[in-house]
Amino acid sequence: MTTEPRLLSGCFCCDRDTTTAGTLSRRNLLAGGFAALGLGAAAARPARAQTTARTRIDLHHHYLAPVQREALLKERGGLPAWSVQRSLDDMDRSGTATAVVSAVQPGVWFGEVEPARKLAREVNDYGARLVSDHKGRFGLFAAIPLPDPEGSLTEIAYALDTLHADGIGLFTSYRDKYLGDPAFTPVLEELNRRKAVVYVHPVVPACCGNLIKGIPPAVIEFATDTTRTITSLIFGAAGSAFRFPDIRWIWSHSGGTLPFLAGRLVRLALERKDARMPDGPLPLLRKYNYEIAQGNTAGQLAALMKMVSVSQVLFGTDFPYRDGTEAVEGLDAYGFSAADRLAIDRGNAIKLMPNIKA
């Protein structure tokens, strides 16, 4: 008797028990089983009628190329339920015109250089075909094989110059290295030269898996890893936030825990008397962009809006781990003005990436 690949609660990199799809435990189901099935909140409530007015631009929307699916099953097991049609259906329900897709975590790196380079190329080619086959519905944040700088530089050139990707997708950490690590300086230098849009998604960091029994690391560590990598850019030895000011960063989940911990970064800059930050780190943080997938509760949005202006806030859904209507409902409940809502839903994305044809 064969079993289906095991499905994980929240994401495939966050759970290490041996539950299979055929024996999904009640504990896992209650602790996020709907997300484990790749359906997010959509499975917990009836599907809505299709939204006819598609105006939104989703900056946090994952895709799973067949070649990446094979690699993930081989390397780790477990993966989200994704297909092109699932994406399109969810986009229609949430009124999304265009989703700029990025590869599911943990991307294309599994420890070997040549396989990672090959996988990045094939994942990006598939993403480019997705864009061309569905005109106006998709954009692409291309994958690169970090922590391999040479391969990453080659793939950046291919993705941006040949495939005309809308930007580059990175992760918050790679093994024990965060984006501010000097090892990544050549890659950030090139992204800065190109004034590239760089979308960053968190992963479970090397330091902090399985800390609380029964709680998937993504519940806490995803949001915290975003804060760690931003801090590494600002306070790290490489000084990346200051050396590469033209990278146009997009941070996931309303900045994770950053809005809540910003005061601690202000204090750290004050204690260090860093001449590069005469006004502290807040001007840097206010320059970055933040999408609101899984960061759209009243408290999360209130904290974010105290840190940045509405011009830095972008719509995102985290499909297929969440459905798009969750993000829409969160924004609805917060009560943005009509003008601010239009900016978040699409205007800010178009300013950041004018080539998006939504």
Protein backbone atom coordinates (compact mmCIF):
# COMPACT_ATOMS: atom_id res chain seq x y z
CA MET A 1 0.00 0.00 0.00
CA THR A 2 1.38 3.38 -0.97
CA THR A 3 0.80 6.66 0.82
CA GLU A 4 0.63 10.20 -0.43
CA PRO A 5 3.53 12.57 0.32
CA ARG A 6 3.10 13.88 3.82
CA LEU A 7 1.50 17.27 4.20
CA LEU A 8 2.78 19.69 6.78
CA SER A 9 1.07 22.26 8.93
CA GLY A 10 1.75 25.71 7.56
CA CYS A 11 4.75 24.84 5.39
CA PHE A 12 6.84 21.83 4.53
CA CYS A 13 9.96 23.07 6.30
CA CYS A 14 8.42 23.54 9.73
CA ASP A 15 7.27 20.14 10.94
CA ARG A 16 9.25 16.99 11.38
CA ASP A 17 6.73 14.40 12.59
CA THR A 18 5.99 11.35 10.48
CA THR A 19 2.30 11.96 9.83
CA THR A 20 1.29 11.12 6.26
CA ALA A 21 -1.59 12.49 4.28
CA GLY A 22 -3.45 9.24 4.80
CA THR A 23 -3.16 9.46 8.58
CA LEU A 24 -3.27 13.20 9.23
CA SER A 25 -3.62 13.42 12.99
CA ARG A 26 -6.38 15.31 14.76
CA ARG A 27 -3.69 17.32 16.55
CA ASN A 28 -2.17 18.48 13.26
CA LEU A 29 -5.57 19.19 11.79
CA LEU A 30 -6.56 21.38 14.71
CA ALA A 31 -3.16 23.06 14.86
CA GLY A 32 -3.24 24.15 11.25
CA GLY A 33 -4.43 21.20 9.20
CA PHE A 34 -6.32 23.36 6.74
CA ALA A 35 -3.08 25.19 6.01
CA ALA A 36 -1.37 21.80 5.87
CA LEU A 37 -3.66 20.82 3.03
CA GLY A 38 -2.58 23.95 1.18
CA LEU A 39 -6.06 25.46 1.41
CA GLY A 40 -5.57 27.95 4.23
CA ALA A 41 -8.70 29.64 5.48
CA ALA A 42 -10.54 28.72 2.27
CA ALA A 43 -11.08 25.22 3.62
CA ALA A 44 -12.54 26.51 6.85
CA ARG A 45 -15.38 28.46 5.26
CA PRO A 46 -17.52 28.20 2.13
CA ALA A 47 -16.03 29.53 -1.08
CA ARG A 48 -17.25 32.96 -2.10
CA ALA A 49 -18.72 33.94 -5.39
CA GLN A 50 -16.15 35.05 -7.93
CA THR A 51 -15.22 38.70 -7.63
CA THR A 52 -15.82 40.37 -10.99
CA ALA A 53 -13.72 43.49 -10.39
CA ARG A 54 -10.10 42.31 -10.42
CA THR A 55 -7.94 45.25 -9.42
CA ARG A 56 -5.48 44.10 -6.76
CA ILE A 57 -1.82 43.24 -7.23
CA ASP A 58 -0.59 40.44 -4.96
CA LEU A 59 3.10 40.68 -4.06
CA HIS A 60 3.16 37.53 -1.90
CA HIS A 61 1.92 34.59 -3.94
CA HIS A 62 3.80 31.32 -4.30
CA TYR A 63 4.13 28.88 -7.17
CA LEU A 64 5.49 25.36 -7.29
CA ALA A 65 7.20 24.39 -10.54
CA PRO A 66 7.08 20.64 -11.27
CA VAL A 67 10.87 20.40 -11.07
CA GLN A 68 10.86 22.07 -7.65
CA ARG A 69 8.08 19.74 -6.54
CA GLU A 70 10.29 16.77 -7.41
CA ALA A 71 13.29 18.27 -5.61
CA LEU A 72 11.30 18.97 -2.47
CA LEU A 73 9.82 15.49 -2.35
CA LYS A 74 13.30 14.04 -2.73
CA GLU A 75 15.01 16.31 -0.22
CA ARG A 76 12.41 16.89 2.47
CA GLY A 77 8.98 15.53 1.67
CA GLY A 78 5.74 17.40 2.02
CA LEU A 79 4.61 20.30 -0.11
CA PRO A 80 1.66 22.64 -0.51
CA ALA A 81 -1.30 21.91 -2.75
CA TRP A 82 -0.72 24.27 -5.69
CA SER A 83 -1.68 24.44 -9.34
CA VAL A 84 -2.05 27.27 -11.83
CA GLN A 85 -5.82 26.90 -11.71
CA ARG A 86 -5.88 27.04 -7.91
CA SER A 87 -3.98 30.32 -8.08
CA LEU A 88 -6.29 31.79 -10.70
CA ASP A 89 -9.40 30.71 -8.80
CA ASP A 90 -8.17 32.27 -5.57
CA MET A 91 -7.17 35.45 -7.39
CA ASP A 92 -10.67 35.72 -8.85
CA ARG A 93 -12.27 35.26 -5.44
CA SER A 94 -10.11 37.96 -3.88
CA GLY A 95 -10.34 40.44 -6.74
CA THR A 96 -6.68 40.07 -7.66
CA ALA A 97 -5.72 41.05 -11.17
CA THR A 98 -2.03 40.12 -11.02
CA ALA A 99 0.03 37.99 -8.65
CA VAL A 100 3.81 38.36 -8.70
CA VAL A 101 4.83 34.82 -7.86
CA SER A 102 7.83 33.52 -5.97
CA ALA A 103 9.06 29.97 -5.43
CA VAL A 104 7.88 28.24 -2.27
CA GLN A 105 10.34 28.08 0.61
CA PRO A 106 13.07 26.99 1.04
CA GLY A 107 13.75 27.74 -2.62
CA VAL A 108 16.35 25.94 -4.73
CA TRP A 109 19.35 25.43 -2.46
CA PHE A 110 19.82 21.99 -0.88
CA GLY A 111 23.55 22.12 -0.24
CA GLU A 112 25.16 21.50 -3.65
CA VAL A 113 26.16 24.19 -6.13
CA GLU A 114 25.47 22.67 -9.55
CA PRO A 115 22.07 21.15 -8.69
CA ALA A 116 20.98 24.46 -7.18
CA ARG A 117 22.03 26.41 -10.28
CA LYS A 118 20.18 23.98 -12.53
CA LEU A 119 17.07 24.03 -10.36
CA ALA A 120 17.01 27.84 -10.20
CA ARG A 121 17.16 28.04 -14.00
CA GLU A 122 14.35 25.53 -14.47
CA VAL A 123 12.16 27.09 -11.77
CA ASN A 124 12.61 30.52 -13.34
CA ASP A 125 11.91 29.26 -16.86
CA TYR A 126 8.68 27.72 -15.60
CA GLY A 127 7.74 30.99 -13.87
CA ALA A 128 8.41 32.93 -17.07
CA ARG A 129 6.16 30.55 -19.03
CA LEU A 130 3.47 31.07 -16.41
CA VAL A 131 3.71 34.81 -17.00
CA SER A 132 3.60 34.50 -20.79
CA ASP A 133 0.82 31.91 -20.86
CA HIS A 134 -1.50 34.02 -18.70
CA LYS A 135 -1.01 37.55 -19.95
CA GLY A 136 -1.52 40.14 -17.23
CA ARG A 137 -2.29 37.62 -14.50
CA PHE A 138 1.21 36.86 -13.24
CA GLY A 139 4.54 38.53 -12.64
CA LEU A 140 7.75 36.87 -11.43
CA PHE A 141 10.21 37.22 -8.57
CA ALA A 142 13.02 35.01 -9.82
CA ALA A 143 14.87 32.49 -7.66
CA ILE A 144 18.65 32.53 -7.30
CA PRO A 145 20.90 29.81 -5.84
CA LEU A 146 22.17 31.58 -2.74
CA PRO A 147 24.38 30.96 -0.83
CA ASP A 148 26.33 30.48 -4.10
CA PRO A 149 27.34 34.05 -5.10
CA GLU A 150 28.75 33.20 -8.54
CA GLY A 151 25.72 31.18 -9.55
CA SER A 152 23.44 33.83 -8.13
CA LEU A 153 25.04 36.58 -10.20
CA THR A 154 24.65 34.49 -13.35
CA GLU A 155 21.00 33.82 -12.59
CA ILE A 156 20.26 37.47 -11.76
CA ALA A 157 21.52 38.46 -15.22
CA TYR A 158 19.48 35.73 -16.91
CA ALA A 159 16.31 36.42 -14.93
CA LEU A 160 16.33 40.18 -15.35
CA ASP A 161 17.85 40.54 -18.83
CA THR A 162 16.45 37.49 -20.64
CA LEU A 163 13.28 36.56 -18.78
CA HIS A 164 12.50 40.17 -17.80
CA ALA A 165 11.46 39.10 -14.31
CA ASP A 166 9.91 41.80 -12.14
CA GLY A 167 12.44 41.29 -9.36
CA ILE A 168 14.42 38.76 -7.36
CA GLY A 169 13.09 36.59 -4.56
CA LEU A 170 15.35 35.95 -1.56
CA PHE A 171 14.97 34.30 1.82
CA THR A 172 15.75 35.81 5.18
CA SER A 173 18.56 33.40 6.00
CA TYR A 174 20.69 30.74 4.38
CA ARG A 175 21.96 28.26 6.94
CA ASP A 176 23.68 30.46 9.53
CA LYS A 177 23.96 33.56 7.32
CA TYR A 178 21.57 36.51 7.10
CA LEU A 179 21.35 38.90 4.17
CA GLY A 180 23.70 41.40 5.79
CA ASP A 181 26.50 38.84 5.94
CA PRO A 182 29.66 39.88 4.02
CA ALA A 183 29.41 36.63 2.02
CA PHE A 184 26.43 38.08 0.17
CA THR A 185 28.05 41.45 -0.63
CA PRO A 186 28.72 40.67 -4.34
CA VAL A 187 25.06 39.73 -4.86
CA LEU A 188 23.71 42.79 -3.05
CA GLU A 189 26.16 44.98 -4.95
CA GLU A 190 24.74 43.77 -8.25
CA LEU A 191 21.14 44.09 -7.09
CA ASN A 192 21.92 47.64 -5.97
CA ARG A 193 23.53 48.46 -9.32
CA ARG A 194 20.37 47.33 -11.05
CA LYS A 195 18.11 49.09 -8.54
CA ALA A 196 16.32 45.78 -8.34
CA VAL A 197 13.10 45.03 -6.52
CA VAL A 198 13.92 42.30 -4.00
CA TYR A 199 11.15 40.38 -2.29
CA VAL A 200 12.20 38.56 0.89
CA HIS A 201 10.37 35.62 2.43
CA PRO A 202 11.27 34.09 5.80
CA VAL A 203 12.37 30.54 6.49
CA VAL A 204 12.95 28.54 9.64
CA PRO A 205 16.43 29.68 10.73
CA ALA A 206 19.24 27.25 11.49
CA CYS A 207 19.26 28.43 15.08
CA CYS A 208 15.65 27.90 16.04
CA GLY A 209 13.77 24.83 14.88
CA ASN A 210 11.58 22.76 17.18
CA LEU A 211 12.05 25.01 20.21
CA ILE A 212 8.54 24.48 21.56
CA LYS A 213 7.18 20.97 21.37
CA GLY A 214 4.09 20.77 19.18
CA ILE A 215 4.44 24.31 17.80
CA PRO A 216 5.69 24.57 14.20
CA PRO A 217 8.67 26.94 14.07
CA ALA A 218 6.95 29.07 11.42
CA VAL A 219 4.40 30.24 13.98
CA ILE A 220 7.06 32.37 15.70
CA GLU A 221 10.30 32.09 13.79
CA PHE A 222 9.13 33.26 10.38
CA ALA A 223 8.15 36.69 11.66
CA THR A 224 11.24 36.90 13.84
CA ASP A 225 13.63 35.88 11.06
CA THR A 226 12.46 38.83 8.99
CA THR A 227 13.47 41.13 11.85
CA ARG A 228 16.81 39.37 12.17
CA THR A 229 17.76 39.82 8.52
CA ILE A 230 16.72 43.49 8.43
CA THR A 231 18.81 44.04 11.56
CA SER A 232 21.77 42.31 9.89
CA LEU A 233 21.57 44.73 6.96
CA ILE A 234 21.58 47.76 9.24
CA PHE A 235 23.91 46.70 12.04
CA GLY A 236 26.01 43.98 10.38
CA ALA A 237 29.73 44.38 9.75
CA ALA A 238 29.22 44.72 5.99
CA GLY A 239 27.06 47.84 6.39
CA SER A 240 24.83 46.60 3.57
CA ALA A 241 21.90 48.92 4.26
CA PHE A 242 24.19 51.91 3.76
CA ARG A 243 26.36 50.56 0.94
CA PHE A 244 23.41 49.41 -1.17
CA PRO A 245 20.68 52.01 -0.74
CA ASP A 246 19.12 51.48 -4.16
CA ILE A 247 17.84 47.96 -3.56
CA ARG A 248 14.06 48.22 -3.31
CA TRP A 249 13.25 45.78 -0.53
CA ILE A 250 9.85 44.20 0.08
CA TRP A 251 9.47 42.50 3.46
CA SER A 252 6.84 39.86 4.13
CA HIS A 253 4.07 39.72 6.73
CA SER A 254 3.97 43.45 7.59
CA GLY A 255 7.62 43.26 8.58
CA GLY A 256 7.15 40.34 10.94
CA THR A 257 8.10 41.40 14.47
CA LEU A 258 9.97 44.47 13.24
CA PRO A 259 7.29 47.09 14.06
CA PHE A 260 7.15 45.78 17.63
CA LEU A 261 10.94 45.66 18.06
CA ALA A 262 11.84 48.87 16.21
CA GLY A 263 12.28 50.70 19.51
CA ARG A 264 15.03 48.26 20.47
CA LEU A 265 16.84 48.98 17.21
CA VAL A 266 16.54 52.70 17.91
CA ARG A 267 18.10 52.10 21.32
CA LEU A 268 20.92 50.00 19.86
CA ALA A 269 21.82 52.73 17.35
CA LEU A 270 21.82 55.29 20.14
CA GLU A 271 24.14 53.18 22.30
CA ARG A 272 26.55 52.61 19.43
CA LYS A 273 26.55 56.27 18.37
CA ASP A 274 26.68 55.18 14.75
CA ALA A 275 27.53 58.21 12.59
CA ARG A 276 25.76 56.61 9.63
CA MET A 277 22.48 56.92 11.52
CA PRO A 278 22.31 60.44 12.96
CA ASP A 279 18.54 60.03 13.22
CA GLY A 280 18.64 56.35 14.14
CA PRO A 281 17.40 53.43 12.01
CA LEU A 282 13.81 54.60 11.54
CA PRO A 283 14.51 56.55 8.30
CA LEU A 284 15.85 53.31 6.81
CA LEU A 285 12.91 51.26 8.02
CA ARG A 286 10.47 53.82 6.64
CA LYS A 287 12.09 53.56 3.22
CA TYR A 288 11.45 49.83 2.88
CA ASN A 289 8.26 48.24 1.56
CA TYR A 290 6.04 45.83 3.49
CA GLU A 291 3.33 43.49 2.22
CA ILE A 292 0.46 42.49 4.50
CA ALA A 293 -0.04 38.72 4.03
CA GLN A 294 -0.52 37.15 7.47
CA GLY A 295 0.15 40.62 8.84
CA ASN A 296 -3.35 42.04 8.47
CA THR A 297 -4.92 41.87 11.92
CA ALA A 298 -5.81 45.17 13.56
CA GLY A 299 -2.83 45.09 15.91
CA GLN A 300 -0.34 44.19 13.20
CA LEU A 301 -1.57 46.88 10.84
CA ALA A 302 -1.70 49.48 13.60
CA ALA A 303 1.93 48.80 14.51
CA LEU A 304 3.03 48.89 10.88
CA MET A 305 1.18 52.13 10.18
CA LYS A 306 2.88 53.77 13.17
CA MET A 307 6.25 52.90 11.63
CA VAL A 308 5.71 53.66 7.92
CA SER A 309 3.46 55.69 5.67
CA VAL A 310 0.79 54.06 3.55
CA SER A 311 3.01 54.57 0.49
CA GLN A 312 5.21 51.67 1.69
CA VAL A 313 2.41 49.13 2.20
CA LEU A 314 1.54 46.48 -0.40
CA PHE A 315 -1.17 43.87 -0.84
CA GLY A 316 -0.17 40.23 -0.36
CA THR A 317 -1.97 36.95 0.31
CA ASP A 318 0.55 34.12 0.94
CA PHE A 319 -1.34 31.78 -1.36
CA PRO A 320 -1.47 28.74 -1.20
CA TYR A 321 -0.79 28.84 2.54
CA ARG A 322 -3.59 31.38 2.99
CA ASP A 323 -6.48 32.38 0.75
CA GLY A 324 -6.67 35.85 -0.69
CA THR A 325 -9.94 36.78 0.98
CA GLU A 326 -8.20 36.67 4.37
CA ALA A 327 -5.99 39.59 3.39
CA VAL A 328 -8.93 41.48 1.87
CA GLU A 329 -11.00 41.05 5.01
CA GLY A 330 -8.13 42.20 7.23
CA LEU A 331 -7.74 45.40 5.25
CA ASP A 332 -11.51 45.91 5.20
CA ALA A 333 -11.73 45.59 8.96
CA TYR A 334 -8.93 48.07 9.60
CA GLY A 335 -10.87 50.84 7.89
CA PHE A 336 -8.39 52.48 5.53
CA SER A 337 -9.67 55.41 3.52
CA ALA A 338 -10.63 54.74 -0.09
CA ALA A 339 -7.50 56.50 -1.35
CA ASP A 340 -5.21 54.59 1.01
CA ARG A 341 -6.88 51.34 0.13
CA LEU A 342 -6.37 51.92 -3.60
CA ALA A 343 -2.70 52.64 -2.93
CA ILE A 344 -2.27 49.42 -0.94
CA ASP A 345 -4.28 47.27 -3.32
CA ARG A 346 -2.41 48.31 -6.48
CA GLY A 347 -1.09 51.88 -6.67
CA ASN A 348 2.03 51.34 -4.59
CA ALA A 349 2.90 48.16 -6.50
CA ILE A 350 2.66 49.93 -9.85
CA LYS A 351 4.92 52.75 -8.59
CA LEU A 352 7.44 50.14 -7.47
CA MET A 353 7.15 48.00 -10.62
CA PRO A 354 5.66 50.06 -13.46
CA ASN A 355 5.99 47.18 -15.93
CA ILE A 356 3.33 45.14 -14.16
CA LYS A 357 0.40 45.00 -16.54
CA ALA A 358 -2.60 44.45 -14.31
